[in-house]
Amino acid sequence: MVLVGVGHDVPTAVAAAELARDAGAEMLMVHQPVHPYVSHDDWTDYHRAIADAVPELGVVPYVRDPQLSAESLATLGEACPNVIGVKYAVPDTARFAAFARDAGLDRFVWIAGLAELYAVPYFAVGATGFTSGLVNVAPSVSLGMLDALRAGDYPAAMKTWEQIRPFEELRAARQSADNVTVVKEALASLGLCRREVRAPSRVLPEDRRAEIAELVAGWSV
């Protein structure tokens, strides 16, 4: 199944959504609106405009705003049956637990949107999946955590958590400044791509690159 990310202003997002649909995508992820002034009502209207434009596609809002109300999401879900899941990326487990229950724990599929570091506590309070950059580098490691979480084996999941913690902390450092760069560097260490990244991201310094290569080697990829 292909899920395509869309965003920016409504016309741009709708055009991208329609292009994704025509290319065969089955789902969309709508990025958190980037405008500095976002009201809760307008958040709902923004997502509704996109979802209504492609009713045949499943739509997943990407929630990064801790001020967004669960009522806003519930209202969107009532208006748009094709809004079926949420990528929740606010680093606050208690807030996520309350938000999911207030918006509709069983109405939406809840995805822990902060990768493996938050997957274990978010699963404990209602998530059923998690996003991952690591899965591009060491899929067996990420899938092992997913299998453990689905089985309710939290000690096993935490063993994986401890194994990948240094990698994920590098991605999360300095407000995730090197989030994508660290993943790309890991892939470069395996000879799968170039390490160069688009500005304003940066190529990592040599000592950090060596650290990532050592982590990857330890996973027996």
Foldseek 3Di string as FASTA:
>chain_A
DDEEEAEEALVRRQVVLVVCVVVPHAAYEYEDHPDPDDDLQNSLVSVLSNCVSCLRHAYEYEDADLPHALVSLLVSCVNRVSPAAYAYEHPDLVSLLVSCVSNDLPRHAYEPELALLCVLSNLVRRHLYYDHLCCVQPVVLRVQLNVCSVVVNSVSNVVSCVLCVVLSCVCPPPNRLCVVLSSLLSCVLVVNDDSDDDPPRGHDDPVVSVVSNVSSVVSVD
